[in-house]
Amino acid sequence: MNLIALLIGLVIEHLATQLFHLRELRWLDRVIDSGFRQATRLVHWPALIPVILLALMLVLPVFIFIFSLGDALHGFAYLVLAIVVLFFSLGPKDIGENVVDYCKALEEADEERIQRTTKAIVESDVPDDPRERIHRVEQAVCVQANNRLFAVIFWFVLLGPLGAWTYRVTDLIRRRAVFNVSRVDDTSETTAQVRDASVILHGWLAWIPARLTAIGYAIAGHFDGALAAWRNSGDKGVSSPSESSENLLARVGVGAMALEDGDDDDLAARGVRGATAAYQLVFRLLLIWAVAIATMTLYGWSV
């Protein structure tokens, strides 16, 4: 049942682009902020404990709803719920649309739009150097594809809609914690600890799917380049599982793309070529995963 729901959900994901704004779940920010305020009062507790409790609180309603359905309507109600939960667990933004907007901005040489669309992909500060910005976008596409898509699929296959929603909840908490720290000049030690704990929790859930995605990049792209990038460890000085996974995805993804820079490359054309190649790599891997999931469904390997 879960695998059937996953296939239907991926089709809806491809078609219902006009509904993506609903997945931002801004109304949860107030709930998460309230949880953070409670966490900062527990100064004698390890920050990871209140962060985990906050995640469990956000997961609990979905768990209760799934449990209460039972075998209602011979499983049809569960199928519908699984599709809905999957839709809200993916994203929140579509990496393909982000890449298209970025490429259009480069082609039109609209610097303000380039900055905005680049930030939507890298989700951090945008480099000032144009060539460095191009490379950062290519890496970020490979990283964000795992966070927004492949990790959600992995947990959905493993644990059903509850697994996918749990992963998304940890991502929402991480994003909000990082945002809260970045918007204030004077950050208390407890607030910083809550942010670090949120990043660590999300990094734990992203660790396995990140490595499966990296293997997929090698299969879907230039295998030798990806393998060389994997062996070329870039984890020196890495402080968290999340950072380690992102470094791996960035290295292996770019290695699998096997793009070469020329001294006389037009930067706009090079940027479009690189971002497009990164998304094509992601799309090829998605097709591979879809075929594998469809095969499992046909053989009745659903959970």
C-alpha atoms as a PDB file:
ATOM      1  CA  MET A   1       0.000   0.000   0.000  1.00  0.00           C
ATOM      2  CA  ASN A   2       2.786   2.430   0.891  1.00  0.00           C
ATOM      3  CA  LEU A   3       4.595   1.871  -2.384  1.00  0.00           C
ATOM      4  CA  ILE A   4       1.411   2.447  -4.376  1.00  0.00           C
ATOM      5  CA  ALA A   5       0.832   5.652  -2.402  1.00  0.00           C
ATOM      6  CA  LEU A   6       4.426   6.674  -3.111  1.00  0.00           C
ATOM      7  CA  LEU A   7       4.057   6.247  -6.870  1.00  0.00           C
ATOM      8  CA  ILE A   8       0.788   8.201  -6.904  1.00  0.00           C
ATOM      9  CA  GLY A   9       2.322  10.868  -4.671  1.00  0.00           C
ATOM     10  CA  LEU A  10       5.307  11.336  -6.993  1.00  0.00           C
ATOM     11  CA  VAL A  11       2.972  11.789  -9.959  1.00  0.00           C
ATOM     12  CA  ILE A  12       0.968  14.380  -8.022  1.00  0.00           C
ATOM     13  CA  GLU A  13       4.244  16.043  -7.021  1.00  0.00           C
ATOM     14  CA  HIS A  14       5.075  16.458 -10.711  1.00  0.00           C
ATOM     15  CA  LEU A  15       1.637  17.792 -11.698  1.00  0.00           C
ATOM     16  CA  ALA A  16       0.408  19.900  -8.764  1.00  0.00           C
ATOM     17  CA  THR A  17       3.080  22.606  -8.878  1.00  0.00           C
ATOM     18  CA  GLN A  18       0.471  25.309  -8.217  1.00  0.00           C
ATOM     19  CA  LEU A  19      -0.079  23.845  -4.732  1.00  0.00           C
ATOM     20  CA  PHE A  20       3.559  23.897  -3.605  1.00  0.00           C
ATOM     21  CA  HIS A  21       3.059  27.081  -1.590  1.00  0.00           C
ATOM     22  CA  LEU A  22       0.857  25.086   0.807  1.00  0.00           C
ATOM     23  CA  ARG A  23       3.856  22.953   1.809  1.00  0.00           C
ATOM     24  CA  GLU A  24       5.731  25.839   3.416  1.00  0.00           C
ATOM     25  CA  LEU A  25       3.630  25.313   6.580  1.00  0.00           C
ATOM     26  CA  ARG A  26       4.324  28.785   7.962  1.00  0.00           C
ATOM     27  CA  TRP A  27       1.685  28.288  10.639  1.00  0.00           C
ATOM     28  CA  LEU A  28       3.928  25.689  12.288  1.00  0.00           C
ATOM     29  CA  ASP A  29       6.606  28.333  12.915  1.00  0.00           C
ATOM     30  CA  ARG A  30       4.719  29.613  15.955  1.00  0.00           C
ATOM     31  CA  VAL A  31       4.433  26.107  17.374  1.00  0.00           C
ATOM     32  CA  ILE A  32       8.138  25.452  16.816  1.00  0.00           C
ATOM     33  CA  ASP A  33       9.095  28.829  18.319  1.00  0.00           C
ATOM     34  CA  SER A  34       7.002  28.023  21.377  1.00  0.00           C
ATOM     35  CA  GLY A  35       8.872  24.740  21.699  1.00  0.00           C
ATOM     36  CA  PHE A  36      12.183  26.559  21.421  1.00  0.00           C
ATOM     37  CA  ARG A  37      11.176  28.944  24.218  1.00  0.00           C
ATOM     38  CA  GLN A  38      10.425  25.982  26.445  1.00  0.00           C
ATOM     39  CA  ALA A  39      13.752  24.403  25.473  1.00  0.00           C
ATOM     40  CA  THR A  40      15.727  27.501  26.447  1.00  0.00           C
ATOM     41  CA  ARG A  41      14.225  27.331  29.944  1.00  0.00           C
ATOM     42  CA  LEU A  42      15.560  23.823  30.453  1.00  0.00           C
ATOM     43  CA  VAL A  43      19.127  25.019  30.866  1.00  0.00           C
ATOM     44  CA  HIS A  44      20.174  21.935  32.824  1.00  0.00           C
ATOM     45  CA  TRP A  45      18.983  19.528  30.120  1.00  0.00           C
ATOM     46  CA  PRO A  46      20.993  18.540  27.040  1.00  0.00           C
ATOM     47  CA  ALA A  47      19.494  20.616  24.216  1.00  0.00           C
ATOM     48  CA  LEU A  48      18.884  17.500  22.147  1.00  0.00           C
ATOM     49  CA  ILE A  49      16.210  16.205  24.568  1.00  0.00           C
ATOM     50  CA  PRO A  50      13.711  19.109  24.235  1.00  0.00           C
ATOM     51  CA  VAL A  51      14.331  19.202  20.466  1.00  0.00           C
ATOM     52  CA  ILE A  52      13.441  15.506  20.196  1.00  0.00           C
ATOM     53  CA  LEU A  53      10.365  16.070  22.383  1.00  0.00           C
ATOM     54  CA  LEU A  54       9.306  18.935  20.112  1.00  0.00           C
ATOM     55  CA  ALA A  55       9.671  16.702  17.054  1.00  0.00           C
ATOM     56  CA  LEU A  56       7.636  13.951  18.708  1.00  0.00           C
ATOM     57  CA  MET A  57       4.908  16.453  19.570  1.00  0.00           C
ATOM     58  CA  LEU A  58       4.612  17.467  15.909  1.00  0.00           C
ATOM     59  CA  VAL A  59       4.641  13.843  14.740  1.00  0.00           C
ATOM     60  CA  LEU A  60       2.070  12.631  17.301  1.00  0.00           C
ATOM     61  CA  PRO A  61      -1.093  13.996  15.572  1.00  0.00           C
ATOM     62  CA  VAL A  62      -0.213  12.189  12.331  1.00  0.00           C
ATOM     63  CA  PHE A  63       0.508   8.996  14.271  1.00  0.00           C
ATOM     64  CA  ILE A  64      -2.857   9.194  16.048  1.00  0.00           C
ATOM     65  CA  PHE A  65      -4.683   9.864  12.784  1.00  0.00           C
ATOM     66  CA  ILE A  66      -3.006   6.909  11.020  1.00  0.00           C
ATOM     67  CA  PHE A  67      -3.622   4.598  13.997  1.00  0.00           C
ATOM     68  CA  SER A  68      -7.288   5.609  14.269  1.00  0.00           C
ATOM     69  CA  LEU A  69      -7.975   4.849  10.598  1.00  0.00           C
ATOM     70  CA  GLY A  70      -7.268   1.151  10.960  1.00  0.00           C
ATOM     71  CA  ASP A  71      -8.684  -0.654   7.933  1.00  0.00           C
ATOM     72  CA  ALA A  72     -11.335   1.952   7.187  1.00  0.00           C
ATOM     73  CA  LEU A  73     -12.825   1.594   3.703  1.00  0.00           C
ATOM     74  CA  HIS A  74     -10.578  -1.428   3.123  1.00  0.00           C
ATOM     75  CA  GLY A  75      -7.444   0.693   3.314  1.00  0.00           C
ATOM     76  CA  PHE A  76      -8.606   3.426   0.907  1.00  0.00           C
ATOM     77  CA  ALA A  77      -8.668   6.066   3.663  1.00  0.00           C
ATOM     78  CA  TYR A  78      -5.107   5.137   4.619  1.00  0.00           C
ATOM     79  CA  LEU A  79      -4.018   5.380   0.965  1.00  0.00           C
ATOM     80  CA  VAL A  80      -5.448   8.883   0.659  1.00  0.00           C
ATOM     81  CA  LEU A  81      -3.861   9.965   3.948  1.00  0.00           C
ATOM     82  CA  ALA A  82      -0.490   8.517   2.921  1.00  0.00           C
ATOM     83  CA  ILE A  83      -0.574  10.492  -0.344  1.00  0.00           C
ATOM     84  CA  VAL A  84      -1.489  13.715   1.477  1.00  0.00           C
ATOM     85  CA  VAL A  85       1.236  13.246   4.110  1.00  0.00           C
ATOM     86  CA  LEU A  86       3.788  12.486   1.383  1.00  0.00           C
ATOM     87  CA  PHE A  87       2.825  15.627  -0.528  1.00  0.00           C
ATOM     88  CA  PHE A  88       3.410  17.798   2.533  1.00  0.00           C
ATOM     89  CA  SER A  89       6.616  15.941   3.435  1.00  0.00           C
ATOM     90  CA  LEU A  90       8.292  16.577   0.075  1.00  0.00           C
ATOM     91  CA  GLY A  91       9.863  19.919  -0.708  1.00  0.00           C
ATOM     92  CA  PRO A  92       8.767  22.393   0.463  1.00  0.00           C
ATOM     93  CA  LYS A  93      10.058  23.982  -2.758  1.00  0.00           C
ATOM     94  CA  ASP A  94      10.546  22.185  -6.064  1.00  0.00           C
ATOM     95  CA  ILE A  95      14.205  22.017  -7.035  1.00  0.00           C
ATOM     96  CA  GLY A  96      13.311  21.856 -10.734  1.00  0.00           C
ATOM     97  CA  GLU A  97      11.391  25.144 -10.592  1.00  0.00           C
ATOM     98  CA  ASN A  98      14.252  26.737  -8.663  1.00  0.00           C
ATOM     99  CA  VAL A  99      16.721  25.699 -11.369  1.00  0.00           C
ATOM    100  CA  VAL A 100      14.483  27.004 -14.176  1.00  0.00           C
ATOM    101  CA  ASP A 101      14.108  30.393 -12.441  1.00  0.00           C
ATOM    102  CA  TYR A 102      17.870  30.587 -11.852  1.00  0.00           C
ATOM    103  CA  CYS A 103      18.695  29.786 -15.489  1.00  0.00           C
ATOM    104  CA  LYS A 104      16.220  32.394 -16.755  1.00  0.00           C
ATOM    105  CA  ALA A 105      17.789  34.996 -14.478  1.00  0.00           C
ATOM    106  CA  LEU A 106      21.253  34.171 -15.855  1.00  0.00           C
ATOM    107  CA  GLU A 107      20.064  34.372 -19.454  1.00  0.00           C
ATOM    108  CA  GLU A 108      18.436  37.758 -18.804  1.00  0.00           C
ATOM    109  CA  ALA A 109      21.492  38.985 -16.843  1.00  0.00           C
ATOM    110  CA  ASP A 110      19.204  40.217 -14.071  1.00  0.00           C
ATOM    111  CA  GLU A 111      21.609  40.452 -11.140  1.00  0.00           C
ATOM    112  CA  GLU A 112      18.949  41.025  -8.488  1.00  0.00           C
ATOM    113  CA  ARG A 113      16.984  38.019  -9.691  1.00  0.00           C
ATOM    114  CA  ILE A 114      20.163  35.935  -9.913  1.00  0.00           C
ATOM    115  CA  GLN A 115      20.876  36.678  -6.261  1.00  0.00           C
ATOM    116  CA  ARG A 116      17.321  35.801  -5.244  1.00  0.00           C
ATOM    117  CA  THR A 117      17.105  32.567  -7.243  1.00  0.00           C
ATOM    118  CA  THR A 118      20.587  31.496  -6.125  1.00  0.00           C
ATOM    119  CA  LYS A 119      19.636  31.960  -2.484  1.00  0.00           C
ATOM    120  CA  ALA A 120      16.496  29.866  -3.024  1.00  0.00           C
ATOM    121  CA  ILE A 121      18.740  26.985  -4.127  1.00  0.00           C
ATOM    122  CA  VAL A 122      21.745  27.250  -1.794  1.00  0.00           C
ATOM    123  CA  GLU A 123      19.618  28.346   1.209  1.00  0.00           C
ATOM    124  CA  SER A 124      22.554  30.282   2.651  1.00  0.00           C
ATOM    125  CA  ASP A 125      24.678  33.332   1.871  1.00  0.00           C
ATOM    126  CA  VAL A 126      25.323  33.822  -1.849  1.00  0.00           C
ATOM    127  CA  PRO A 127      29.005  34.115  -2.883  1.00  0.00           C
ATOM    128  CA  ASP A 128      30.002  37.423  -4.491  1.00  0.00           C
ATOM    129  CA  ASP A 129      32.299  35.817  -7.061  1.00  0.00           C
ATOM    130  CA  PRO A 130      30.196  34.714 -10.106  1.00  0.00           C
ATOM    131  CA  ARG A 131      32.232  31.577 -10.796  1.00  0.00           C
ATOM    132  CA  GLU A 132      32.123  30.501  -7.165  1.00  0.00           C
ATOM    133  CA  ARG A 133      28.387  31.153  -7.191  1.00  0.00           C
ATOM    134  CA  ILE A 134      27.993  28.859 -10.203  1.00  0.00           C
ATOM    135  CA  HIS A 135      29.818  26.024  -8.462  1.00  0.00           C
ATOM    136  CA  ARG A 136      27.844  26.561  -5.253  1.00  0.00           C
ATOM    137  CA  VAL A 137      24.550  26.250  -7.140  1.00  0.00           C
ATOM    138  CA  GLU A 138      25.648  22.970  -8.757  1.00  0.00           C
ATOM    139  CA  GLN A 139      26.595  21.557  -5.369  1.00  0.00           C
ATOM    140  CA  ALA A 140      23.419  22.831  -3.723  1.00  0.00           C
ATOM    141  CA  VAL A 141      21.160  21.193  -6.319  1.00  0.00           C
ATOM    142  CA  CYS A 142      22.739  17.834  -5.477  1.00  0.00           C
ATOM    143  CA  VAL A 143      22.377  18.475  -1.739  1.00  0.00           C
ATOM    144  CA  GLN A 144      18.840  19.862  -1.822  1.00  0.00           C
ATOM    145  CA  ALA A 145      17.584  17.001  -3.991  1.00  0.00           C
ATOM    146  CA  ASN A 146      18.344  14.636  -1.128  1.00  0.00           C
ATOM    147  CA  ASN A 147      16.811  16.887   1.512  1.00  0.00           C
ATOM    148  CA  ARG A 148      13.665  17.726  -0.427  1.00  0.00           C
ATOM    149  CA  LEU A 149      13.100  14.482  -2.295  1.00  0.00           C
ATOM    150  CA  PHE A 150      15.247  11.357  -1.890  1.00  0.00           C
ATOM    151  CA  ALA A 151      15.473  11.308   1.915  1.00  0.00           C
ATOM    152  CA  VAL A 152      11.688  11.705   2.147  1.00  0.00           C
ATOM    153  CA  ILE A 153      11.213   8.814  -0.297  1.00  0.00           C
ATOM    154  CA  PHE A 154      13.650   6.652   1.675  1.00  0.00           C
ATOM    155  CA  TRP A 155      11.839   7.143   4.974  1.00  0.00           C
ATOM    156  CA  PHE A 156       8.464   6.703   3.300  1.00  0.00           C
ATOM    157  CA  VAL A 157       9.527   3.345   1.859  1.00  0.00           C
ATOM    158  CA  LEU A 158      11.036   2.285   5.192  1.00  0.00           C
ATOM    159  CA  LEU A 159       8.391   3.469   7.663  1.00  0.00           C
ATOM    160  CA  GLY A 160       5.494   4.729   5.577  1.00  0.00           C
ATOM    161  CA  PRO A 161       3.943   8.220   5.848  1.00  0.00           C
ATOM    162  CA  LEU A 162       4.938   8.512   9.504  1.00  0.00           C
ATOM    163  CA  GLY A 163       8.610   8.102   8.564  1.00  0.00           C
ATOM    164  CA  ALA A 164       8.393  10.719   5.792  1.00  0.00           C
ATOM    165  CA  TRP A 165       6.601  13.206   8.055  1.00  0.00           C
ATOM    166  CA  THR A 166       9.110  12.646  10.877  1.00  0.00           C
ATOM    167  CA  TYR A 167      11.944  13.516   8.515  1.00  0.00           C
ATOM    168  CA  ARG A 168      10.158  16.655   7.323  1.00  0.00           C
ATOM    169  CA  VAL A 169       9.433  17.704  10.919  1.00  0.00           C
ATOM    170  CA  THR A 170      13.138  17.527  11.797  1.00  0.00           C
ATOM    171  CA  ASP A 171      13.873  19.620   8.703  1.00  0.00           C
ATOM    172  CA  LEU A 172      11.272  22.235   9.662  1.00  0.00           C
ATOM    173  CA  ILE A 173      12.736  22.448  13.168  1.00  0.00           C
ATOM    174  CA  ARG A 174      16.272  22.732  11.794  1.00  0.00           C
ATOM    175  CA  ARG A 175      15.322  25.466   9.331  1.00  0.00           C
ATOM    176  CA  ARG A 176      13.501  27.479  11.974  1.00  0.00           C
ATOM    177  CA  ALA A 177      16.324  27.132  14.504  1.00  0.00           C
ATOM    178  CA  VAL A 178      18.920  28.289  11.966  1.00  0.00           C
ATOM    179  CA  PHE A 179      16.689  31.186  10.892  1.00  0.00           C
ATOM    180  CA  ASN A 180      16.091  32.319  14.476  1.00  0.00           C
ATOM    181  CA  VAL A 181      19.812  32.426  15.197  1.00  0.00           C
ATOM    182  CA  SER A 182      20.631  34.267  11.963  1.00  0.00           C
ATOM    183  CA  ARG A 183      18.118  37.071  12.510  1.00  0.00           C
ATOM    184  CA  VAL A 184      19.466  38.249  15.881  1.00  0.00           C
ATOM    185  CA  ASP A 185      22.858  39.779  16.605  1.00  0.00           C
ATOM    186  CA  ASP A 186      23.076  38.631  20.208  1.00  0.00           C
ATOM    187  CA  THR A 187      22.504  34.875  20.420  1.00  0.00           C
ATOM    188  CA  SER A 188      22.442  33.231  23.826  1.00  0.00           C
ATOM    189  CA  GLU A 189      24.392  30.061  24.427  1.00  0.00           C
ATOM    190  CA  THR A 190      21.196  28.082  24.998  1.00  0.00           C
ATOM    191  CA  THR A 191      19.682  29.275  21.707  1.00  0.00           C
ATOM    192  CA  ALA A 192      22.832  28.262  19.857  1.00  0.00           C
ATOM    193  CA  GLN A 193      22.744  24.863  21.554  1.00  0.00           C
ATOM    194  CA  VAL A 194      19.127  24.351  20.449  1.00  0.00           C
ATOM    195  CA  ARG A 195      20.134  25.199  16.874  1.00  0.00           C
ATOM    196  CA  ASP A 196      23.043  22.766  16.992  1.00  0.00           C
ATOM    197  CA  ALA A 197      20.815  20.051  18.439  1.00  0.00           C
ATOM    198  CA  SER A 198      18.243  20.625  15.685  1.00  0.00           C
ATOM    199  CA  VAL A 199      20.943  20.296  13.022  1.00  0.00           C
ATOM    200  CA  ILE A 200      22.291  17.124  14.641  1.00  0.00           C
ATOM    201  CA  LEU A 201      18.851  15.483  14.849  1.00  0.00           C
ATOM    202  CA  HIS A 202      18.115  16.211  11.205  1.00  0.00           C
ATOM    203  CA  GLY A 203      21.615  15.044  10.262  1.00  0.00           C
ATOM    204  CA  TRP A 204      21.016  11.665  11.880  1.00  0.00           C
ATOM    205  CA  LEU A 205      17.924  11.053   9.741  1.00  0.00           C
ATOM    206  CA  ALA A 206      19.647  12.341   6.585  1.00  0.00           C
ATOM    207  CA  TRP A 207      22.818  10.233   7.009  1.00  0.00           C
ATOM    208  CA  ILE A 208      21.706   6.948   5.405  1.00  0.00           C
ATOM    209  CA  PRO A 209      19.624   8.422   2.541  1.00  0.00           C
ATOM    210  CA  ALA A 210      22.452  10.841   1.738  1.00  0.00           C
ATOM    211  CA  ARG A 211      24.807   7.928   1.105  1.00  0.00           C
ATOM    212  CA  LEU A 212      22.216   6.061  -0.941  1.00  0.00           C
ATOM    213  CA  THR A 213      21.675   9.222  -2.981  1.00  0.00           C
ATOM    214  CA  ALA A 214      25.428   9.612  -3.480  1.00  0.00           C
ATOM    215  CA  ILE A 215      25.611   6.013  -4.737  1.00  0.00           C
ATOM    216  CA  GLY A 216      22.709   6.832  -7.047  1.00  0.00           C
ATOM    217  CA  TYR A 217      24.544   9.853  -8.437  1.00  0.00           C
ATOM    218  CA  ALA A 218      27.452   7.580  -9.327  1.00  0.00           C
ATOM    219  CA  ILE A 219      25.096   5.174 -11.120  1.00  0.00           C
ATOM    220  CA  ALA A 220      23.107   7.900 -12.890  1.00  0.00           C
ATOM    221  CA  GLY A 221      26.148   9.958 -13.898  1.00  0.00           C
ATOM    222  CA  HIS A 222      29.882   9.623 -14.519  1.00  0.00           C
ATOM    223  CA  PHE A 223      30.817   6.686 -12.274  1.00  0.00           C
ATOM    224  CA  ASP A 224      34.586   7.200 -12.258  1.00  0.00           C
ATOM    225  CA  GLY A 225      34.266  10.897 -11.465  1.00  0.00           C
ATOM    226  CA  ALA A 226      31.813  10.210  -8.658  1.00  0.00           C
ATOM    227  CA  LEU A 227      33.972   7.446  -7.190  1.00  0.00           C
ATOM    228  CA  ALA A 228      37.065   9.663  -7.237  1.00  0.00           C
ATOM    229  CA  ALA A 229      35.110  12.424  -5.500  1.00  0.00           C
ATOM    230  CA  TRP A 230      33.877   9.979  -2.860  1.00  0.00           C
ATOM    231  CA  ARG A 231      37.411   8.803  -2.119  1.00  0.00           C
ATOM    232  CA  ASN A 232      38.610  12.386  -1.902  1.00  0.00           C
ATOM    233  CA  SER A 233      37.303  12.905   1.612  1.00  0.00           C
ATOM    234  CA  GLY A 234      36.388  16.492   2.422  1.00  0.00           C
ATOM    235  CA  ASP A 235      35.305  15.866   5.999  1.00  0.00           C
ATOM    236  CA  LYS A 236      38.292  17.409   7.745  1.00  0.00           C
ATOM    237  CA  GLY A 237      37.013  19.895  10.278  1.00  0.00           C
ATOM    238  CA  VAL A 238      33.405  18.737   9.800  1.00  0.00           C
ATOM    239  CA  SER A 239      31.465  19.187  13.037  1.00  0.00           C
ATOM    240  CA  SER A 240      28.158  17.370  12.439  1.00  0.00           C
ATOM    241  CA  PRO A 241      26.585  14.432  10.562  1.00  0.00           C
ATOM    242  CA  SER A 242      24.552  16.936   8.551  1.00  0.00           C
ATOM    243  CA  GLU A 243      27.638  18.755   7.327  1.00  0.00           C
ATOM    244  CA  SER A 244      29.338  15.454   6.499  1.00  0.00           C
ATOM    245  CA  SER A 245      26.365  14.310   4.408  1.00  0.00           C
ATOM    246  CA  GLU A 246      26.124  17.623   2.569  1.00  0.00           C
ATOM    247  CA  ASN A 247      29.846  17.596   1.766  1.00  0.00           C
ATOM    248  CA  LEU A 248      29.563  14.063   0.404  1.00  0.00           C
ATOM    249  CA  LEU A 249      26.538  14.843  -1.748  1.00  0.00           C
ATOM    250  CA  ALA A 250      28.151  17.991  -3.124  1.00  0.00           C
ATOM    251  CA  ARG A 251      31.431  16.239  -3.995  1.00  0.00           C
ATOM    252  CA  VAL A 252      29.938  13.106  -5.496  1.00  0.00           C
ATOM    253  CA  GLY A 253      27.195  14.974  -7.353  1.00  0.00           C
ATOM    254  CA  VAL A 254      29.628  17.368  -9.006  1.00  0.00           C
ATOM    255  CA  GLY A 255      31.987  14.472  -9.753  1.00  0.00           C
ATOM    256  CA  ALA A 256      29.145  12.541 -11.414  1.00  0.00           C
ATOM    257  CA  MET A 257      28.331  15.564 -13.584  1.00  0.00           C
ATOM    258  CA  ALA A 258      31.920  15.580 -14.938  1.00  0.00           C
ATOM    259  CA  LEU A 259      31.746  19.160 -16.185  1.00  0.00           C
ATOM    260  CA  GLU A 260      34.895  21.004 -17.183  1.00  0.00           C
ATOM    261  CA  ASP A 261      35.554  24.740 -16.933  1.00  0.00           C
ATOM    262  CA  GLY A 262      37.176  26.590 -19.793  1.00  0.00           C
ATOM    263  CA  ASP A 263      39.118  29.815 -19.393  1.00  0.00           C
ATOM    264  CA  ASP A 264      37.030  31.445 -22.108  1.00  0.00           C
ATOM    265  CA  ASP A 265      33.660  30.180 -20.860  1.00  0.00           C
ATOM    266  CA  ASP A 266      30.836  32.684 -20.863  1.00  0.00           C
ATOM    267  CA  LEU A 267      29.802  32.751 -17.203  1.00  0.00           C
ATOM    268  CA  ALA A 268      26.075  32.936 -17.902  1.00  0.00           C
ATOM    269  CA  ALA A 269      26.187  30.031 -20.334  1.00  0.00           C
ATOM    270  CA  ARG A 270      28.395  28.049 -17.963  1.00  0.00           C
ATOM    271  CA  GLY A 271      25.981  28.682 -15.107  1.00  0.00           C
ATOM    272  CA  VAL A 272      23.000  27.503 -17.143  1.00  0.00           C
ATOM    273  CA  ARG A 273      24.909  24.438 -18.329  1.00  0.00           C
ATOM    274  CA  GLY A 274      26.004  23.514 -14.814  1.00  0.00           C
ATOM    275  CA  ALA A 275      22.617  23.993 -13.130  1.00  0.00           C
ATOM    276  CA  THR A 276      20.865  22.112 -15.930  1.00  0.00           C
ATOM    277  CA  ALA A 277      23.365  19.235 -15.731  1.00  0.00           C
ATOM    278  CA  ALA A 278      22.879  19.012 -11.962  1.00  0.00           C
ATOM    279  CA  TYR A 279      19.111  18.824 -12.283  1.00  0.00           C
ATOM    280  CA  GLN A 280      19.327  16.283 -15.107  1.00  0.00           C
ATOM    281  CA  LEU A 281      21.452  14.108 -12.816  1.00  0.00           C
ATOM    282  CA  VAL A 282      18.796  14.398 -10.108  1.00  0.00           C
ATOM    283  CA  PHE A 283      16.020  13.606 -12.576  1.00  0.00           C
ATOM    284  CA  ARG A 284      17.806  10.516 -13.907  1.00  0.00           C
ATOM    285  CA  LEU A 285      18.248   9.248 -10.364  1.00  0.00           C
ATOM    286  CA  LEU A 286      14.567   9.900  -9.629  1.00  0.00           C
ATOM    287  CA  LEU A 287      13.645   7.781 -12.648  1.00  0.00           C
ATOM    288  CA  ILE A 288      15.893   4.984 -11.365  1.00  0.00           C
ATOM    289  CA  TRP A 289      14.235   5.132  -7.940  1.00  0.00           C
ATOM    290  CA  ALA A 290      10.771   5.225  -9.546  1.00  0.00           C
ATOM    291  CA  VAL A 291      11.518   2.123 -11.618  1.00  0.00           C
ATOM    292  CA  ALA A 292      12.836   0.319  -8.532  1.00  0.00           C
ATOM    293  CA  ILE A 293       9.750   1.279  -6.512  1.00  0.00           C
ATOM    294  CA  ALA A 294       7.417   0.240  -9.345  1.00  0.00           C
ATOM    295  CA  THR A 295       9.189  -3.133  -9.553  1.00  0.00           C
ATOM    296  CA  MET A 296       8.816  -3.633  -5.801  1.00  0.00           C
ATOM    297  CA  THR A 297       5.120  -2.748  -6.094  1.00  0.00           C
ATOM    298  CA  LEU A 298       4.535  -5.237  -8.922  1.00  0.00           C
ATOM    299  CA  TYR A 299       6.128  -8.005  -6.873  1.00  0.00           C
ATOM    300  CA  GLY A 300       4.044  -7.114  -3.838  1.00  0.00           C
ATOM    301  CA  TRP A 301       6.930  -5.872  -1.669  1.00  0.00           C
ATOM    302  CA  SER A 302       4.841  -3.166  -0.038  1.00  0.00           C
ATOM    303  CA  VAL A 303       4.796  -2.550   3.674  1.00  0.00           C
END
